[in-house]
């Protein structure tokens, strides 16, 4: 996985932190927010983000699932008889680079936490 994949995964996990880590949500969210701001300036943050996500089993497991999905999307599609994993639907803020992934159809699509606008469907 490259820097971009790790940053994309951190952005996707942020909206789910409240249910993944409970009371530790605010501290972890602030850490990720600072790291993503550094990433936006071109600074390498891959290892720092991996440390933050690796601290909790729930964030580590979700990140690993997302890394597997990203790795699958970056590789050859394979032969027709091999079943393919369906892509996870992605939604994006029309005003910034905030992404959110819908892992469960029962989840309602949220608004962008920074701009408070409805997220729109994007390519997976």
Protein backbone atom coordinates (compact mmCIF):
# COMPACT_ATOMS: atom_id res chain seq x y z
CA UNK A 1 0.00 0.00 0.00
CA UNK A 2 1.24 3.44 -0.81
CA UNK A 3 0.90 6.81 0.93
CA UNK A 4 -2.25 7.72 -1.03
CA UNK A 5 -3.99 4.45 -0.06
CA UNK A 6 -3.27 4.98 3.65
CA UNK A 7 -4.48 8.59 3.54
CA UNK A 8 -7.64 7.57 1.65
CA UNK A 9 -8.31 4.84 4.20
CA UNK A 10 -7.88 7.23 7.14
CA UNK A 11 -10.33 9.68 5.52
CA UNK A 12 -12.84 6.87 5.02
CA UNK A 13 -12.56 5.58 8.58
CA UNK A 14 -12.92 8.95 10.34
CA UNK A 15 -16.74 9.15 10.11
CA UNK A 16 -16.99 5.68 11.67
CA UNK A 17 -14.69 6.31 14.64
CA UNK A 18 -17.51 7.05 17.07
CA UNK A 19 -18.83 3.51 16.77
CA UNK A 20 -15.41 1.85 16.37
CA UNK A 21 -13.65 3.27 19.43
CA UNK A 22 -16.43 4.74 21.57
CA UNK A 23 -15.22 7.27 24.13
CA UNK A 24 -11.78 7.57 22.55
CA UNK A 25 -13.38 8.99 19.39
CA UNK A 26 -12.43 12.66 19.93
CA UNK A 27 -8.73 12.07 20.61
CA UNK A 28 -8.27 9.71 17.67
CA UNK A 29 -10.27 11.97 15.36
CA UNK A 30 -8.08 14.95 16.29
CA UNK A 31 -4.93 12.91 15.62
CA UNK A 32 -6.18 11.79 12.23
CA UNK A 33 -7.39 15.30 11.37
CA UNK A 34 -3.90 16.70 12.07
CA UNK A 35 -2.21 13.94 10.07
CA UNK A 36 -4.58 14.42 7.12
CA UNK A 37 -3.90 18.16 7.17
CA UNK A 38 -0.17 17.37 6.97
CA UNK A 39 -0.87 14.97 4.09
CA UNK A 40 -2.71 17.75 2.26
CA UNK A 41 0.53 19.76 2.32
CA UNK A 42 2.47 16.86 0.83
CA UNK A 43 4.13 15.63 4.01
CA UNK A 44 4.53 11.86 4.36
CA UNK A 45 2.17 10.56 7.08
CA UNK A 46 1.69 6.91 6.11
CA UNK A 47 3.50 5.41 9.11
CA UNK A 48 1.94 7.80 11.61
CA UNK A 49 -1.57 7.03 10.33
CA UNK A 50 -0.87 3.30 10.47
CA UNK A 51 0.24 3.66 14.11
CA UNK A 52 -2.97 5.53 15.01
CA UNK A 53 -5.24 3.03 13.22
CA UNK A 54 -3.27 0.09 14.60
CA UNK A 55 -3.84 0.99 18.25
CA UNK A 56 -7.38 -0.41 18.35
CA UNK A 57 -8.50 -3.78 17.03
CA UNK A 58 -11.63 -2.30 15.47
CA UNK A 59 -9.85 0.39 13.48
CA UNK A 60 -7.04 -2.00 12.59
CA UNK A 61 -9.49 -4.61 11.25
CA UNK A 62 -11.49 -2.07 9.22
CA UNK A 63 -8.29 -0.55 7.80
CA UNK A 64 -7.04 -4.01 6.82
CA UNK A 65 -10.34 -4.75 5.04
CA UNK A 66 -10.07 -1.47 3.17
CA UNK A 67 -6.42 -2.10 2.25
CA UNK A 68 -7.42 -5.48 0.84
CA UNK A 69 -10.17 -3.81 -1.21
CA UNK A 70 -7.75 -1.16 -2.47
CA UNK A 71 -5.17 -3.81 -3.35
CA UNK A 72 -7.84 -5.71 -5.25
CA UNK A 73 -8.83 -2.57 -7.18
CA UNK A 74 -5.19 -1.91 -8.12
CA UNK A 75 -4.59 -5.36 -9.56
CA UNK A 76 -5.59 -7.28 -12.65
CA UNK A 77 -9.30 -8.14 -12.59
CA UNK A 78 -8.70 -11.83 -13.10
CA UNK A 79 -10.53 -14.50 -15.02
CA UNK A 80 -14.31 -14.47 -15.40
CA UNK A 81 -14.84 -17.66 -13.35
CA UNK A 82 -13.12 -16.18 -10.28
CA UNK A 83 -15.70 -14.36 -8.13
CA UNK A 84 -14.94 -10.67 -7.70
CA UNK A 85 -15.46 -8.72 -4.48
CA UNK A 86 -18.03 -5.98 -5.10
CA UNK A 87 -16.67 -2.48 -4.58
CA UNK A 88 -17.65 -0.53 -1.49
CA UNK A 89 -19.76 2.50 -2.53
CA UNK A 90 -17.92 5.80 -1.99
CA UNK A 91 -19.52 9.16 -1.35
CA UNK A 92 -17.65 12.46 -1.54
CA UNK A 93 -18.10 16.07 -0.53
CA UNK A 94 -18.62 18.25 -3.61
CA UNK A 95 -16.64 21.05 -1.90
CA UNK A 96 -13.56 19.21 -0.61
CA UNK A 97 -11.76 15.87 -0.73
CA UNK A 98 -13.71 14.26 2.14
CA UNK A 99 -14.74 10.69 1.30
CA UNK A 100 -17.06 8.31 3.12
CA UNK A 101 -17.55 4.61 2.33
CA UNK A 102 -20.88 2.84 2.80
CA UNK A 103 -20.17 -0.64 4.17
CA UNK A 104 -23.79 -1.34 5.06
CA UNK A 105 -26.85 -0.42 2.97
CA UNK A 106 -28.69 0.38 6.21
CA UNK A 107 -26.31 3.27 6.92
CA UNK A 108 -27.58 6.70 5.98
CA UNK A 109 -25.22 8.82 3.92
CA UNK A 110 -23.95 11.60 6.21
CA UNK A 111 -23.10 15.20 5.50
CA UNK A 112 -19.54 16.49 5.19
CA UNK A 113 -18.33 17.27 8.73
CA UNK A 114 -16.52 20.39 7.50
CA UNK A 115 -19.05 21.87 5.03
CA UNK A 116 -22.31 20.32 6.30
CA UNK A 117 -23.42 19.47 2.74
CA UNK A 118 -24.79 16.13 1.57
CA UNK A 119 -22.19 13.74 0.19
CA UNK A 120 -22.65 12.67 -3.42
CA UNK A 121 -21.94 9.25 -4.96
CA UNK A 122 -18.42 8.90 -6.33
CA UNK A 123 -16.52 6.19 -8.11
CA UNK A 124 -15.28 3.37 -5.82
